[in-house]
């Protein structure tokens, strides 16, 4: 049982990291787009 919990925790940690990087890419691209719009205006 302890082994299963450990595996589940690792999977959760990996999913959290994936979500964090995806969110980071989204915010970065949004910031970049706004910056580009501001420059080209």
C-alpha atoms as a PDB file:
ATOM      1  CA  UNK A   1       0.000   0.000   0.000  1.00  0.00           C
ATOM      2  CA  UNK A   2       2.800   2.441   0.852  1.00  0.00           C
ATOM      3  CA  UNK A   3       4.419   1.812  -2.524  1.00  0.00           C
ATOM      4  CA  UNK A   4       1.175   2.642  -4.350  1.00  0.00           C
ATOM      5  CA  UNK A   5       0.807   5.960  -2.493  1.00  0.00           C
ATOM      6  CA  UNK A   6       4.379   6.851  -3.394  1.00  0.00           C
ATOM      7  CA  UNK A   7       3.715   6.162  -7.078  1.00  0.00           C
ATOM      8  CA  UNK A   8       0.525   8.235  -6.964  1.00  0.00           C
ATOM      9  CA  UNK A   9       2.355  11.150  -5.352  1.00  0.00           C
ATOM     10  CA  UNK A  10       5.033  11.055  -8.026  1.00  0.00           C
ATOM     11  CA  UNK A  11       2.378  11.061 -10.751  1.00  0.00           C
ATOM     12  CA  UNK A  12       0.662  14.037  -9.102  1.00  0.00           C
ATOM     13  CA  UNK A  13       3.944  15.921  -8.846  1.00  0.00           C
ATOM     14  CA  UNK A  14       4.665  15.270 -12.527  1.00  0.00           C
ATOM     15  CA  UNK A  15       1.174  16.436 -13.545  1.00  0.00           C
ATOM     16  CA  UNK A  16       1.575  19.584 -11.435  1.00  0.00           C
ATOM     17  CA  UNK A  17       4.904  20.350 -13.117  1.00  0.00           C
ATOM     18  CA  UNK A  18       3.401  19.809 -16.567  1.00  0.00           C
ATOM     19  CA  UNK A  19       0.517  22.139 -15.719  1.00  0.00           C
ATOM     20  CA  UNK A  20       2.896  24.757 -14.323  1.00  0.00           C
ATOM     21  CA  UNK A  21       5.049  24.819 -17.461  1.00  0.00           C
ATOM     22  CA  UNK A  22       1.977  24.917 -19.704  1.00  0.00           C
ATOM     23  CA  UNK A  23       0.577  27.839 -17.705  1.00  0.00           C
ATOM     24  CA  UNK A  24       3.953  29.561 -17.828  1.00  0.00           C
ATOM     25  CA  UNK A  25       4.068  29.253 -21.627  1.00  0.00           C
ATOM     26  CA  UNK A  26       0.529  30.628 -21.882  1.00  0.00           C
ATOM     27  CA  UNK A  27       1.249  33.671 -19.721  1.00  0.00           C
ATOM     28  CA  UNK A  28       4.538  34.325 -21.505  1.00  0.00           C
ATOM     29  CA  UNK A  29       2.925  34.198 -24.935  1.00  0.00           C
ATOM     30  CA  UNK A  30       0.059  36.433 -23.780  1.00  0.00           C
ATOM     31  CA  UNK A  31       2.563  38.957 -22.379  1.00  0.00           C
ATOM     32  CA  UNK A  32       4.599  38.777 -25.572  1.00  0.00           C
ATOM     33  CA  UNK A  33       1.516  39.341 -27.746  1.00  0.00           C
ATOM     34  CA  UNK A  34       0.456  42.379 -25.708  1.00  0.00           C
ATOM     35  CA  UNK A  35       3.969  43.770 -25.930  1.00  0.00           C
ATOM     36  CA  UNK A  36       3.977  43.273 -29.712  1.00  0.00           C
ATOM     37  CA  UNK A  37       0.599  44.964 -30.067  1.00  0.00           C
ATOM     38  CA  UNK A  38       1.812  47.887 -27.992  1.00  0.00           C
ATOM     39  CA  UNK A  39       4.975  48.275 -30.088  1.00  0.00           C
ATOM     40  CA  UNK A  40       3.261  48.041 -33.473  1.00  0.00           C
ATOM     41  CA  UNK A  41       0.574  50.583 -32.619  1.00  0.00           C
END
